[in-house]
Every structure is written in structure tokens, then in C-alpha cells.
Protein backbone atom coordinates (compact mmCIF):
# COMPACT_ATOMS: atom_id res chain seq x y z
CA MET A 1 10.75 -1.04 9.81
CA ALA A 2 8.50 -3.03 7.51
CA ALA A 3 9.50 -0.94 4.50
CA ASN A 4 13.08 -2.12 4.95
CA LYS A 5 12.15 -5.73 5.74
CA TYR A 6 10.08 -6.11 2.59
CA GLY A 7 12.23 -3.90 0.42
CA ILE A 8 9.40 -1.47 -0.32
CA GLN A 9 10.36 1.55 -2.38
CA ILE A 10 8.24 4.16 -4.11
CA LYS A 11 8.74 3.63 -7.82
CA SER A 12 6.58 6.54 -8.99
CA PHE A 13 4.28 9.03 -7.38
CA LYS A 14 1.93 11.52 -8.91
CA GLU A 15 -1.30 13.10 -7.84
CA GLY A 16 -3.76 10.30 -7.07
CA LEU A 17 -1.45 7.45 -8.07
CA VAL A 18 1.44 5.73 -6.35
CA GLU A 19 3.43 2.75 -7.57
CA VAL A 20 5.66 0.83 -5.19
CA HIS A 21 8.26 -1.84 -5.82
CA ILE A 22 8.42 -4.71 -3.31
CA ARG A 23 11.79 -6.44 -3.48
CA ASN A 24 10.85 -9.22 -1.01
CA TRP A 25 7.40 -9.99 -2.43
CA ILE A 26 7.58 -13.60 -1.23
CA LEU A 27 7.41 -12.38 2.39
CA LEU A 28 4.03 -10.79 1.63
CA ASP A 29 2.48 -13.64 -0.36
CA ASN A 30 0.17 -14.69 2.49
CA THR A 31 -0.97 -11.23 3.54
CA LEU A 32 -0.98 -9.31 0.27
CA PRO A 33 -4.46 -10.44 -0.89
CA ASN A 34 -5.99 -9.28 2.41
CA LEU A 35 -4.11 -5.99 2.31
CA VAL A 36 -5.28 -5.32 -1.25
CA ASN A 37 -8.85 -6.20 -0.27
CA ASP A 38 -8.81 -3.81 2.69
CA LEU A 39 -7.39 -1.03 0.53
CA GLU A 40 -9.97 -1.63 -2.20
CA ASN A 41 -12.75 -1.41 0.39
CA ASP A 42 -11.59 2.04 1.48
CA CYS A 43 -13.87 4.75 0.11
CA ASP A 44 -10.90 6.92 -0.92
CA ILE A 45 -9.02 4.19 -2.78
CA TYR A 46 -10.16 3.77 -6.38
CA TYR A 47 -8.22 0.64 -7.27
CA VAL A 48 -5.20 -1.46 -6.35
CA THR A 49 -3.36 -3.61 -8.87
CA GLY A 50 -0.42 -5.90 -8.39
CA ASN A 51 2.08 -7.03 -10.98
CA ARG A 52 3.90 -10.08 -9.61
CA ASP A 53 6.25 -10.21 -12.62
CA GLU A 54 7.55 -6.73 -11.80
CA ASN A 55 6.99 -6.93 -8.02
CA THR A 56 4.94 -3.74 -8.11
CA ILE A 57 1.68 -2.54 -6.63
CA THR A 58 -0.17 0.46 -8.02
CA ILE A 59 -2.68 2.33 -5.87
CA SER A 60 -5.06 4.91 -7.29
CA TYR A 61 -6.54 7.12 -4.61
CA ASN A 62 -8.57 10.28 -4.06
CA HIS A 63 -5.83 12.92 -3.96
CA ASP A 64 -8.04 15.44 -2.15
CA ALA A 65 -8.52 12.95 0.69
CA ILE A 66 -4.82 13.03 1.51
CA GLU A 67 -5.40 16.37 3.20
CA ASN A 68 -7.78 14.76 5.68
CA LYS A 69 -5.94 13.59 8.80
CA ASP A 70 -8.52 10.86 9.49
CA THR A 71 -8.06 9.43 5.99
CA VAL A 72 -4.28 9.28 6.30
CA GLU A 73 -4.55 7.67 9.73
CA ARG A 74 -7.00 5.12 8.33
CA TRP A 75 -4.57 4.22 5.54
CA ILE A 76 -1.65 3.92 7.96
CA THR A 77 -3.76 1.64 10.16
CA ILE A 78 -4.52 -0.61 7.18
CA PHE A 79 -0.81 -0.99 6.38
CA GLN A 80 0.14 -1.48 10.03
CA THR A 81 -2.38 -4.30 10.29
CA TYR A 82 -0.24 -6.34 7.90
CA SER A 83 3.13 -5.29 9.25
CA ASN A 84 4.98 -7.35 11.81
CA ASP A 85 7.11 -4.29 12.50
CA SER A 86 4.61 -1.50 13.21
CA PRO A 87 4.79 1.32 12.49
CA LEU A 88 5.64 1.12 8.78
């Protein structure tokens, strides 16, 4: 699974905000800008920030949208696009 390959772990999670730690950030260096761009272009994602010094990405999203199956599938599709090991 990609989460294991890249060492992705949820660092914190609260309504509308998730922060993940990426242990193997270097493996994502080429794809991360495109992933962030695709997430930022999603109507239910408010912002995405990355902190390379801490190997973290913070995603602010519309919490109400998480109840919509189509929204969740859209987000999964975005992440799978950048995963060599689909599904995530």
C-alpha cells in the first residue's frame, strides 16, 4: 500500500482539518506539487500546505462534504492518481 511505502501517518485529525506526516517525503518530491494542485482545485478542499522541514501536509476541507459518497470517491481518485500502489 502507498501509505506504507511513503510512511504516511495521520498526525492530527479534527473536523475539517487533517495533518499527515510523510516519512519518505523524498519519494514524493516529483509528484507532490501536482497532487497538491489537484487537491487545491477541488471545490471541497479549502487549502493544502506542506512543511518540508517537518515532512507534514495539512489539508483543510469542507467537513460536511465528507458525508457525500461522490466527494469521498473523488478524493480517493486524486490520491490514487499519484500512487504507484493503488489503492491507497
